[in-house]
Amino acid sequence: MARTIQFILAALASVALAAPVAAQEGTLKKIKDSGAITIGHRDGSIPFSYYDDQQKPVGYAVDLCLRIVDAVKSELKMPGLKVNYQLVTSANRIPLMANGTIDLECGSTTNNVARQEQVWFTITHFVTANRWASKKSSNLKTLADLKGKTIVSTAGSTNIKQITEINAAQNLGMNIISANGHPEAFQMVETGRAVAFVMDDIILAGLAAQSRSPADYEISAVALSVEPYGIMLRKDDKAFKAVADKAMTEVYKSGQINAIYEKWFQKPVPPKGINMHLPMSEAFKKVVAKPTDSGDPKAYE
């Protein structure tokens, strides 16, 4: 009996010792043990995250992620930390974050309350709105104009979920189809397979700007929702989020964000020299002045 009691006490002690160790397990330990951090990126979310002409991931969100990487290097005292890149899509970005394939998701991902049940986000880095792009010749000015039409959006996005809900609630009878990526969705409008592409206005502006005939397209004045973008992290990883949030806040408070923003939204960007000509919005200026990771659209009004 004494041996049994000793065994039980020893087991309990080992559990007690393991608990704080387990609490420390997370992205920072994963990075330290592997000697590498993996950035999830997109291939066509200009100017946030895409490939340049050398097939190198670049963009506004990528630049901000690299600021976080610098902070991680400092935190772990690993100046030689390796940076790996992993292509993700709207459909697989959350699973690849949850299963540990990627450590930061640097793209054009909306931070909302529903997604926060699966993943976390660092400080909001852009505020956009859900609208639709169409050919001017289609004359699609209101939601009523979309009634009975074929609409496309990107699989796995909040946009396709929202337009599906609006379609049902307002009995619009739209035929909503999904595309694997933003370029494919826009191409469906170009080729007439769909009359409109529902997506964040900044993504639509970038795709229209690099199309064969930019003047042929227009983006709706009607906004279906406000969309705050965030860099995605694993859920419940407080230590890693603290490092990431601190890095982002320092970029904002130091004024570095102004040069980074201007580089990607107010100057020609590679590889085609597209210029978005997009000044910083009042909603995002508020975030810069008072950083937030809120997934509530009302926080950005």
C-alpha atoms as a PDB file:
ATOM      1  CA  MET A   1       0.000   0.000   0.000  1.00  0.00           C
ATOM      2  CA  ALA A   2       2.854   2.344   0.900  1.00  0.00           C
ATOM      3  CA  ARG A   3       4.421   1.757  -2.518  1.00  0.00           C
ATOM      4  CA  THR A   4       1.075   2.418  -4.156  1.00  0.00           C
ATOM      5  CA  ILE A   5       0.690   5.686  -2.284  1.00  0.00           C
ATOM      6  CA  GLN A   6       4.255   6.682  -3.174  1.00  0.00           C
ATOM      7  CA  PHE A   7       3.580   5.896  -6.833  1.00  0.00           C
ATOM      8  CA  ILE A   8       0.404   7.993  -6.821  1.00  0.00           C
ATOM      9  CA  LEU A   9       2.178  10.913  -5.111  1.00  0.00           C
ATOM     10  CA  ALA A  10       5.046  10.692  -7.593  1.00  0.00           C
ATOM     11  CA  ALA A  11       2.593  10.657 -10.497  1.00  0.00           C
ATOM     12  CA  LEU A  12       0.753  13.687  -9.135  1.00  0.00           C
ATOM     13  CA  ALA A  13       4.043  15.517  -8.657  1.00  0.00           C
ATOM     14  CA  SER A  14       5.079  14.805 -12.238  1.00  0.00           C
ATOM     15  CA  VAL A  15       1.749  16.155 -13.481  1.00  0.00           C
ATOM     16  CA  ALA A  16       2.204  19.295 -11.365  1.00  0.00           C
ATOM     17  CA  LEU A  17       5.664  19.812 -12.804  1.00  0.00           C
ATOM     18  CA  ALA A  18       4.457  19.152 -16.340  1.00  0.00           C
ATOM     19  CA  ALA A  19       1.601  21.661 -16.116  1.00  0.00           C
ATOM     20  CA  PRO A  20       3.707  24.844 -16.291  1.00  0.00           C
ATOM     21  CA  VAL A  21       5.842  23.285 -19.023  1.00  0.00           C
ATOM     22  CA  ALA A  22       2.730  22.470 -21.028  1.00  0.00           C
ATOM     23  CA  ALA A  23       1.504  26.010 -20.493  1.00  0.00           C
ATOM     24  CA  GLN A  24       4.660  27.248 -22.130  1.00  0.00           C
ATOM     25  CA  GLU A  25       4.174  25.042 -25.170  1.00  0.00           C
ATOM     26  CA  GLY A  26       3.145  27.098 -28.172  1.00  0.00           C
ATOM     27  CA  THR A  27       4.330  28.841 -31.297  1.00  0.00           C
ATOM     28  CA  LEU A  28       7.413  30.399 -29.729  1.00  0.00           C
ATOM     29  CA  LYS A  29       8.637  27.007 -28.490  1.00  0.00           C
ATOM     30  CA  LYS A  30       7.802  25.415 -31.844  1.00  0.00           C
ATOM     31  CA  ILE A  31       9.834  28.085 -33.625  1.00  0.00           C
ATOM     32  CA  LYS A  32      12.743  27.820 -31.202  1.00  0.00           C
ATOM     33  CA  ASP A  33      12.875  24.027 -31.429  1.00  0.00           C
ATOM     34  CA  SER A  34      12.677  23.966 -35.238  1.00  0.00           C
ATOM     35  CA  GLY A  35      14.870  27.015 -35.865  1.00  0.00           C
ATOM     36  CA  ALA A  36      12.321  28.327 -38.368  1.00  0.00           C
ATOM     37  CA  ILE A  37       9.102  30.340 -38.623  1.00  0.00           C
ATOM     38  CA  THR A  38       6.591  29.660 -41.410  1.00  0.00           C
ATOM     39  CA  ILE A  39       4.653  32.461 -43.068  1.00  0.00           C
ATOM     40  CA  GLY A  40       1.434  31.571 -44.856  1.00  0.00           C
ATOM     41  CA  HIS A  41       0.949  33.780 -47.918  1.00  0.00           C
ATOM     42  CA  ARG A  42      -1.408  34.199 -50.878  1.00  0.00           C
ATOM     43  CA  ASP A  43      -0.608  34.133 -54.600  1.00  0.00           C
ATOM     44  CA  GLY A  44      -2.968  36.828 -55.886  1.00  0.00           C
ATOM     45  CA  SER A  45      -4.095  39.205 -53.110  1.00  0.00           C
ATOM     46  CA  ILE A  46      -2.473  42.331 -54.538  1.00  0.00           C
ATOM     47  CA  PRO A  47      -1.096  44.395 -52.853  1.00  0.00           C
ATOM     48  CA  PHE A  48      -1.369  42.453 -49.573  1.00  0.00           C
ATOM     49  CA  SER A  49       0.218  39.125 -50.385  1.00  0.00           C
ATOM     50  CA  TYR A  50       1.169  37.749 -53.796  1.00  0.00           C
ATOM     51  CA  TYR A  51       4.027  36.563 -56.009  1.00  0.00           C
ATOM     52  CA  ASP A  52       6.333  38.990 -57.766  1.00  0.00           C
ATOM     53  CA  ASP A  53       7.935  38.150 -61.125  1.00  0.00           C
ATOM     54  CA  GLN A  54      10.574  36.068 -59.326  1.00  0.00           C
ATOM     55  CA  GLN A  55       7.881  33.959 -57.607  1.00  0.00           C
ATOM     56  CA  LYS A  56       8.800  35.578 -54.309  1.00  0.00           C
ATOM     57  CA  PRO A  57       6.003  36.314 -51.789  1.00  0.00           C
ATOM     58  CA  VAL A  58       5.675  40.094 -51.394  1.00  0.00           C
ATOM     59  CA  GLY A  59       3.105  42.625 -50.273  1.00  0.00           C
ATOM     60  CA  TYR A  60       1.860  44.935 -47.561  1.00  0.00           C
ATOM     61  CA  ALA A  61       0.842  42.112 -45.200  1.00  0.00           C
ATOM     62  CA  VAL A  62       4.099  40.262 -45.895  1.00  0.00           C
ATOM     63  CA  ASP A  63       6.101  43.374 -44.957  1.00  0.00           C
ATOM     64  CA  LEU A  64       4.190  43.632 -41.680  1.00  0.00           C
ATOM     65  CA  CYS A  65       4.680  39.939 -40.975  1.00  0.00           C
ATOM     66  CA  LEU A  66       8.409  40.376 -41.435  1.00  0.00           C
ATOM     67  CA  ARG A  67       8.324  43.062 -38.727  1.00  0.00           C
ATOM     68  CA  ILE A  68       6.773  40.436 -36.450  1.00  0.00           C
ATOM     69  CA  VAL A  69       9.469  37.964 -37.492  1.00  0.00           C
ATOM     70  CA  ASP A  70      12.108  40.515 -36.435  1.00  0.00           C
ATOM     71  CA  ALA A  71      10.400  40.773 -33.043  1.00  0.00           C
ATOM     72  CA  VAL A  72      10.389  36.977 -32.694  1.00  0.00           C
ATOM     73  CA  LYS A  73      14.107  36.860 -33.534  1.00  0.00           C
ATOM     74  CA  SER A  74      14.731  39.375 -30.783  1.00  0.00           C
ATOM     75  CA  GLU A  75      12.456  37.628 -28.283  1.00  0.00           C
ATOM     76  CA  LEU A  76      14.103  34.251 -28.833  1.00  0.00           C
ATOM     77  CA  LYS A  77      17.588  35.697 -29.312  1.00  0.00           C
ATOM     78  CA  MET A  78      17.781  33.923 -32.678  1.00  0.00           C
ATOM     79  CA  PRO A  79      19.063  36.457 -35.249  1.00  0.00           C
ATOM     80  CA  GLY A  80      19.639  33.650 -37.749  1.00  0.00           C
ATOM     81  CA  LEU A  81      16.076  32.348 -37.557  1.00  0.00           C
ATOM     82  CA  LYS A  82      15.035  30.797 -40.880  1.00  0.00           C
ATOM     83  CA  VAL A  83      11.900  32.116 -42.587  1.00  0.00           C
ATOM     84  CA  ASN A  84       9.875  29.610 -44.606  1.00  0.00           C
ATOM     85  CA  TYR A  85       6.934  30.439 -46.871  1.00  0.00           C
ATOM     86  CA  GLN A  86       3.823  28.336 -47.441  1.00  0.00           C
ATOM     87  CA  LEU A  87       1.182  29.162 -50.070  1.00  0.00           C
ATOM     88  CA  VAL A  88      -2.355  29.137 -48.634  1.00  0.00           C
ATOM     89  CA  THR A  89      -5.850  29.710 -50.026  1.00  0.00           C
ATOM     90  CA  SER A  90      -9.049  31.139 -48.571  1.00  0.00           C
ATOM     91  CA  ALA A  91     -10.280  27.588 -48.033  1.00  0.00           C
ATOM     92  CA  ASN A  92      -7.239  26.041 -46.325  1.00  0.00           C
ATOM     93  CA  ARG A  93      -5.643  28.944 -44.405  1.00  0.00           C
ATOM     94  CA  ILE A  94      -7.484  28.270 -41.115  1.00  0.00           C
ATOM     95  CA  PRO A  95      -6.860  24.473 -41.104  1.00  0.00           C
ATOM     96  CA  LEU A  96      -3.171  25.032 -41.929  1.00  0.00           C
ATOM     97  CA  MET A  97      -2.908  27.461 -39.017  1.00  0.00           C
ATOM     98  CA  ALA A  98      -4.714  25.153 -36.619  1.00  0.00           C
ATOM     99  CA  ASN A  99      -2.593  22.094 -37.492  1.00  0.00           C
ATOM    100  CA  GLY A 100       0.712  23.953 -37.107  1.00  0.00           C
ATOM    101  CA  THR A 101       1.741  24.072 -40.761  1.00  0.00           C
ATOM    102  CA  ILE A 102       1.989  27.879 -40.686  1.00  0.00           C
ATOM    103  CA  ASP A 103       2.779  30.245 -37.796  1.00  0.00           C
ATOM    104  CA  LEU A 104       1.601  33.570 -39.275  1.00  0.00           C
ATOM    105  CA  GLU A 105      -0.981  34.016 -42.037  1.00  0.00           C
ATOM    106  CA  CYS A 106      -0.065  37.111 -43.994  1.00  0.00           C
ATOM    107  CA  GLY A 107      -2.753  37.911 -46.521  1.00  0.00           C
ATOM    108  CA  SER A 108      -6.136  39.610 -46.747  1.00  0.00           C
ATOM    109  CA  THR A 109      -8.018  37.740 -44.037  1.00  0.00           C
ATOM    110  CA  THR A 110     -11.029  39.248 -42.305  1.00  0.00           C
ATOM    111  CA  ASN A 111     -10.981  39.190 -38.531  1.00  0.00           C
ATOM    112  CA  ASN A 112     -14.473  38.467 -37.231  1.00  0.00           C
ATOM    113  CA  VAL A 113     -16.042  37.046 -34.085  1.00  0.00           C
ATOM    114  CA  ALA A 114     -16.909  33.721 -35.738  1.00  0.00           C
ATOM    115  CA  ARG A 115     -13.327  33.104 -36.866  1.00  0.00           C
ATOM    116  CA  GLN A 116     -12.036  33.954 -33.410  1.00  0.00           C
ATOM    117  CA  GLU A 117     -13.590  30.693 -32.271  1.00  0.00           C
ATOM    118  CA  GLN A 118     -10.967  28.897 -34.392  1.00  0.00           C
ATOM    119  CA  VAL A 119      -7.993  31.273 -34.603  1.00  0.00           C
ATOM    120  CA  TRP A 120      -6.700  34.527 -33.162  1.00  0.00           C
ATOM    121  CA  PHE A 121      -5.593  37.713 -34.906  1.00  0.00           C
ATOM    122  CA  THR A 122      -3.004  40.350 -34.208  1.00  0.00           C
ATOM    123  CA  ILE A 123      -3.661  44.111 -34.532  1.00  0.00           C
ATOM    124  CA  THR A 124      -5.881  45.069 -37.485  1.00  0.00           C
ATOM    125  CA  HIS A 125      -3.737  46.146 -40.456  1.00  0.00           C
ATOM    126  CA  PHE A 126      -6.408  47.309 -42.920  1.00  0.00           C
ATOM    127  CA  VAL A 127     -10.108  48.170 -42.987  1.00  0.00           C
ATOM    128  CA  THR A 128     -12.088  47.463 -46.139  1.00  0.00           C
ATOM    129  CA  ALA A 129     -15.703  46.766 -47.164  1.00  0.00           C
ATOM    130  CA  ASN A 130     -17.485  43.919 -48.943  1.00  0.00           C
ATOM    131  CA  ARG A 131     -18.703  45.105 -52.385  1.00  0.00           C
ATOM    132  CA  TRP A 132     -18.961  43.720 -55.909  1.00  0.00           C
ATOM    133  CA  ALA A 133     -17.089  44.371 -59.138  1.00  0.00           C
ATOM    134  CA  SER A 134     -18.811  44.143 -62.488  1.00  0.00           C
ATOM    135  CA  LYS A 135     -18.515  45.431 -66.021  1.00  0.00           C
ATOM    136  CA  LYS A 136     -19.886  48.953 -66.360  1.00  0.00           C
ATOM    137  CA  SER A 137     -21.942  47.745 -69.294  1.00  0.00           C
ATOM    138  CA  SER A 138     -23.887  45.446 -66.939  1.00  0.00           C
ATOM    139  CA  ASN A 139     -25.176  48.472 -64.996  1.00  0.00           C
ATOM    140  CA  LEU A 140     -25.399  46.682 -61.641  1.00  0.00           C
ATOM    141  CA  LYS A 141     -25.901  49.525 -59.188  1.00  0.00           C
ATOM    142  CA  THR A 142     -28.015  47.935 -56.432  1.00  0.00           C
ATOM    143  CA  LEU A 143     -28.609  44.532 -54.872  1.00  0.00           C
ATOM    144  CA  ALA A 144     -31.908  44.397 -56.744  1.00  0.00           C
ATOM    145  CA  ASP A 145     -29.940  44.565 -59.998  1.00  0.00           C
ATOM    146  CA  LEU A 146     -28.257  41.265 -59.056  1.00  0.00           C
ATOM    147  CA  LYS A 147     -31.567  39.425 -58.762  1.00  0.00           C
ATOM    148  CA  GLY A 148     -31.538  36.162 -60.711  1.00  0.00           C
ATOM    149  CA  LYS A 149     -27.966  36.723 -61.908  1.00  0.00           C
ATOM    150  CA  THR A 150     -24.899  34.473 -61.612  1.00  0.00           C
ATOM    151  CA  ILE A 151     -22.539  35.832 -58.951  1.00  0.00           C
ATOM    152  CA  VAL A 152     -19.084  34.576 -58.034  1.00  0.00           C
ATOM    153  CA  SER A 153     -17.041  34.839 -54.844  1.00  0.00           C
ATOM    154  CA  THR A 154     -13.990  33.083 -53.413  1.00  0.00           C
ATOM    155  CA  ALA A 155     -14.364  29.756 -51.616  1.00  0.00           C
ATOM    156  CA  GLY A 156     -13.771  29.916 -47.869  1.00  0.00           C
ATOM    157  CA  SER A 157     -14.212  33.696 -47.653  1.00  0.00           C
ATOM    158  CA  THR A 158     -16.554  35.672 -45.420  1.00  0.00           C
ATOM    159  CA  ASN A 159     -17.784  37.345 -48.604  1.00  0.00           C
ATOM    160  CA  ILE A 160     -19.341  34.229 -50.134  1.00  0.00           C
ATOM    161  CA  LYS A 161     -20.981  33.411 -46.804  1.00  0.00           C
ATOM    162  CA  GLN A 162     -22.461  36.870 -46.549  1.00  0.00           C
ATOM    163  CA  ILE A 163     -23.792  37.100 -50.100  1.00  0.00           C
ATOM    164  CA  THR A 164     -25.331  33.631 -49.688  1.00  0.00           C
ATOM    165  CA  GLU A 165     -27.123  34.805 -46.541  1.00  0.00           C
ATOM    166  CA  ILE A 166     -28.305  38.013 -48.244  1.00  0.00           C
ATOM    167  CA  ASN A 167     -29.513  36.010 -51.233  1.00  0.00           C
ATOM    168  CA  ALA A 168     -31.659  33.814 -48.999  1.00  0.00           C
ATOM    169  CA  ALA A 169     -32.913  36.609 -46.735  1.00  0.00           C
ATOM    170  CA  GLN A 170     -33.969  38.867 -49.608  1.00  0.00           C
ATOM    171  CA  ASN A 171     -35.096  36.070 -51.931  1.00  0.00           C
ATOM    172  CA  LEU A 172     -32.934  37.378 -54.787  1.00  0.00           C
ATOM    173  CA  GLY A 173     -32.635  34.077 -56.606  1.00  0.00           C
ATOM    174  CA  MET A 174     -28.975  34.596 -57.439  1.00  0.00           C
ATOM    175  CA  ASN A 175     -26.874  31.699 -58.695  1.00  0.00           C
ATOM    176  CA  ILE A 176     -23.808  31.923 -56.461  1.00  0.00           C
ATOM    177  CA  ILE A 177     -20.714  30.030 -57.574  1.00  0.00           C
ATOM    178  CA  SER A 178     -17.337  29.713 -55.857  1.00  0.00           C
ATOM    179  CA  ALA A 179     -13.834  30.128 -57.248  1.00  0.00           C
ATOM    180  CA  ASN A 180     -10.593  28.725 -55.853  1.00  0.00           C
ATOM    181  CA  GLY A 181      -8.919  32.127 -55.747  1.00  0.00           C
ATOM    182  CA  HIS A 182      -9.449  35.831 -56.403  1.00  0.00           C
ATOM    183  CA  PRO A 183      -7.864  35.852 -59.894  1.00  0.00           C
ATOM    184  CA  GLU A 184     -10.073  32.952 -61.008  1.00  0.00           C
ATOM    185  CA  ALA A 185     -13.186  34.709 -59.687  1.00  0.00           C
ATOM    186  CA  PHE A 186     -12.368  37.947 -61.492  1.00  0.00           C
ATOM    187  CA  GLN A 187     -11.667  36.013 -64.676  1.00  0.00           C
ATOM    188  CA  MET A 188     -15.206  34.613 -64.505  1.00  0.00           C
ATOM    189  CA  VAL A 189     -16.532  38.175 -64.739  1.00  0.00           C
ATOM    190  CA  GLU A 190     -14.077  38.984 -67.547  1.00  0.00           C
ATOM    191  CA  THR A 191     -15.274  35.992 -69.571  1.00  0.00           C
ATOM    192  CA  GLY A 192     -18.974  36.393 -68.820  1.00  0.00           C
ATOM    193  CA  ARG A 193     -19.408  33.268 -66.691  1.00  0.00           C
ATOM    194  CA  ALA A 194     -20.571  35.564 -63.874  1.00  0.00           C
ATOM    195  CA  VAL A 195     -21.842  39.147 -63.911  1.00  0.00           C
ATOM    196  CA  ALA A 196     -20.309  40.202 -60.599  1.00  0.00           C
ATOM    197  CA  PHE A 197     -17.548  39.224 -58.182  1.00  0.00           C
ATOM    198  CA  VAL A 198     -18.350  39.824 -54.515  1.00  0.00           C
ATOM    199  CA  MET A 199     -15.194  40.514 -52.496  1.00  0.00           C
ATOM    200  CA  ASP A 200     -13.406  43.141 -50.407  1.00  0.00           C
ATOM    201  CA  ASP A 201     -13.210  46.389 -52.344  1.00  0.00           C
ATOM    202  CA  ILE A 202      -9.426  46.677 -52.108  1.00  0.00           C
ATOM    203  CA  ILE A 203      -8.971  43.221 -53.651  1.00  0.00           C
ATOM    204  CA  LEU A 204     -11.421  44.121 -56.427  1.00  0.00           C
ATOM    205  CA  ALA A 205      -9.587  47.385 -57.093  1.00  0.00           C
ATOM    206  CA  GLY A 206      -6.269  45.573 -57.457  1.00  0.00           C
ATOM    207  CA  LEU A 207      -7.663  42.956 -59.833  1.00  0.00           C
ATOM    208  CA  ALA A 208      -9.429  45.557 -61.961  1.00  0.00           C
ATOM    209  CA  ALA A 209      -6.272  47.687 -62.115  1.00  0.00           C
ATOM    210  CA  GLN A 210      -4.241  44.803 -63.537  1.00  0.00           C
ATOM    211  CA  SER A 211      -6.904  43.576 -65.965  1.00  0.00           C
ATOM    212  CA  ARG A 212      -6.672  44.042 -69.742  1.00  0.00           C
ATOM    213  CA  SER A 213      -9.218  46.866 -69.710  1.00  0.00           C
ATOM    214  CA  PRO A 214      -9.387  48.505 -66.249  1.00  0.00           C
ATOM    215  CA  ALA A 215     -11.791  51.182 -67.485  1.00  0.00           C
ATOM    216  CA  ASP A 216     -14.395  48.505 -68.277  1.00  0.00           C
ATOM    217  CA  TYR A 217     -15.029  47.716 -64.606  1.00  0.00           C
ATOM    218  CA  GLU A 218     -16.634  49.421 -61.651  1.00  0.00           C
ATOM    219  CA  ILE A 219     -16.930  48.629 -57.955  1.00  0.00           C
ATOM    220  CA  SER A 220     -20.322  49.021 -56.318  1.00  0.00           C
ATOM    221  CA  ALA A 221     -21.085  52.061 -54.176  1.00  0.00           C
ATOM    222  CA  VAL A 222     -23.182  49.700 -52.074  1.00  0.00           C
ATOM    223  CA  ALA A 223     -21.181  48.233 -49.181  1.00  0.00           C
ATOM    224  CA  LEU A 224     -22.421  44.922 -47.817  1.00  0.00           C
ATOM    225  CA  SER A 225     -20.251  45.049 -44.675  1.00  0.00           C
ATOM    226  CA  VAL A 226     -17.141  46.489 -43.033  1.00  0.00           C
ATOM    227  CA  GLU A 227     -14.163  44.106 -43.059  1.00  0.00           C
ATOM    228  CA  PRO A 228     -11.159  44.521 -40.716  1.00  0.00           C
ATOM    229  CA  TYR A 229      -8.099  42.559 -41.869  1.00  0.00           C
ATOM    230  CA  GLY A 230      -5.787  40.850 -39.402  1.00  0.00           C
ATOM    231  CA  ILE A 231      -2.694  38.647 -39.415  1.00  0.00           C
ATOM    232  CA  MET A 232      -3.833  35.244 -38.231  1.00  0.00           C
ATOM    233  CA  LEU A 233      -2.268  33.345 -35.312  1.00  0.00           C
ATOM    234  CA  ARG A 234      -3.047  30.125 -33.472  1.00  0.00           C
ATOM    235  CA  LYS A 235      -5.834  30.357 -30.914  1.00  0.00           C
ATOM    236  CA  ASP A 236      -5.042  30.588 -27.189  1.00  0.00           C
ATOM    237  CA  ASP A 237      -1.350  31.345 -27.772  1.00  0.00           C
ATOM    238  CA  LYS A 238      -1.046  34.388 -25.516  1.00  0.00           C
ATOM    239  CA  ALA A 239       2.762  34.533 -25.510  1.00  0.00           C
ATOM    240  CA  PHE A 240       3.091  34.596 -29.299  1.00  0.00           C
ATOM    241  CA  LYS A 241       0.223  37.063 -29.699  1.00  0.00           C
ATOM    242  CA  ALA A 242       1.857  39.400 -27.167  1.00  0.00           C
ATOM    243  CA  VAL A 243       5.061  39.488 -29.231  1.00  0.00           C
ATOM    244  CA  ALA A 244       3.135  40.014 -32.485  1.00  0.00           C
ATOM    245  CA  ASP A 245       0.856  42.723 -31.062  1.00  0.00           C
ATOM    246  CA  LYS A 246       3.794  44.595 -29.557  1.00  0.00           C
ATOM    247  CA  ALA A 247       5.619  44.541 -32.910  1.00  0.00           C
ATOM    248  CA  MET A 248       2.564  45.820 -34.787  1.00  0.00           C
ATOM    249  CA  THR A 249       1.868  48.531 -32.218  1.00  0.00           C
ATOM    250  CA  GLU A 250       5.455  49.755 -32.441  1.00  0.00           C
ATOM    251  CA  VAL A 251       5.185  49.969 -36.238  1.00  0.00           C
ATOM    252  CA  TYR A 252       2.080  52.152 -35.814  1.00  0.00           C
ATOM    253  CA  LYS A 253       3.286  54.339 -32.957  1.00  0.00           C
ATOM    254  CA  SER A 254       6.697  54.960 -34.546  1.00  0.00           C
ATOM    255  CA  GLY A 255       5.118  56.138 -37.791  1.00  0.00           C
ATOM    256  CA  GLN A 256       6.754  53.345 -39.830  1.00  0.00           C
ATOM    257  CA  ILE A 257       3.286  52.315 -40.985  1.00  0.00           C
ATOM    258  CA  ASN A 258       3.016  55.474 -43.107  1.00  0.00           C
ATOM    259  CA  ALA A 259       5.959  54.539 -45.346  1.00  0.00           C
ATOM    260  CA  ILE A 260       4.867  50.909 -45.546  1.00  0.00           C
ATOM    261  CA  TYR A 261       1.311  51.907 -46.483  1.00  0.00           C
ATOM    262  CA  GLU A 262       2.481  54.449 -49.061  1.00  0.00           C
ATOM    263  CA  LYS A 263       4.798  51.862 -50.642  1.00  0.00           C
ATOM    264  CA  TRP A 264       1.947  49.440 -51.365  1.00  0.00           C
ATOM    265  CA  PHE A 265      -1.112  51.658 -51.857  1.00  0.00           C
ATOM    266  CA  GLN A 266       0.164  54.930 -53.275  1.00  0.00           C
ATOM    267  CA  LYS A 267       3.119  53.918 -55.432  1.00  0.00           C
ATOM    268  CA  PRO A 268       3.530  51.482 -58.364  1.00  0.00           C
ATOM    269  CA  VAL A 269       3.953  47.927 -57.095  1.00  0.00           C
ATOM    270  CA  PRO A 270       5.748  45.012 -58.779  1.00  0.00           C
ATOM    271  CA  PRO A 271       5.653  43.253 -61.105  1.00  0.00           C
ATOM    272  CA  LYS A 272       3.409  45.352 -63.377  1.00  0.00           C
ATOM    273  CA  GLY A 273       3.795  48.764 -61.752  1.00  0.00           C
ATOM    274  CA  ILE A 274       0.147  48.962 -60.704  1.00  0.00           C
ATOM    275  CA  ASN A 275      -0.686  51.964 -58.515  1.00  0.00           C
ATOM    276  CA  MET A 276      -3.781  51.658 -56.311  1.00  0.00           C
ATOM    277  CA  HIS A 277      -3.844  55.454 -55.629  1.00  0.00           C
ATOM    278  CA  LEU A 278      -5.535  54.681 -52.302  1.00  0.00           C
ATOM    279  CA  PRO A 279      -5.011  57.117 -49.391  1.00  0.00           C
ATOM    280  CA  MET A 280      -5.254  55.736 -45.863  1.00  0.00           C
ATOM    281  CA  SER A 281      -8.920  55.605 -44.815  1.00  0.00           C
ATOM    282  CA  GLU A 282     -10.251  57.404 -41.767  1.00  0.00           C
ATOM    283  CA  ALA A 283     -11.233  54.022 -40.292  1.00  0.00           C
ATOM    284  CA  PHE A 284      -7.668  52.748 -40.532  1.00  0.00           C
ATOM    285  CA  LYS A 285      -6.206  56.020 -39.248  1.00  0.00           C
ATOM    286  CA  LYS A 286      -8.226  55.408 -36.081  1.00  0.00           C
ATOM    287  CA  VAL A 287      -6.656  51.955 -35.758  1.00  0.00           C
ATOM    288  CA  VAL A 288      -3.169  53.414 -36.170  1.00  0.00           C
ATOM    289  CA  ALA A 289      -3.908  55.965 -33.444  1.00  0.00           C
ATOM    290  CA  LYS A 290      -5.536  53.399 -31.176  1.00  0.00           C
ATOM    291  CA  PRO A 291      -4.539  49.825 -32.178  1.00  0.00           C
ATOM    292  CA  THR A 292      -7.213  47.165 -31.847  1.00  0.00           C
ATOM    293  CA  ASP A 293      -7.725  43.511 -32.756  1.00  0.00           C
ATOM    294  CA  SER A 294     -11.522  43.704 -32.545  1.00  0.00           C
ATOM    295  CA  GLY A 295     -13.542  41.460 -34.820  1.00  0.00           C
ATOM    296  CA  ASP A 296     -16.641  43.625 -34.387  1.00  0.00           C
ATOM    297  CA  PRO A 297     -17.322  45.776 -37.484  1.00  0.00           C
ATOM    298  CA  LYS A 298     -18.898  48.449 -35.264  1.00  0.00           C
ATOM    299  CA  ALA A 299     -15.477  49.105 -33.711  1.00  0.00           C
ATOM    300  CA  TYR A 300     -14.384  50.569 -37.051  1.00  0.00           C
ATOM    301  CA  GLU A 301     -17.311  52.873 -37.750  1.00  0.00           C
END
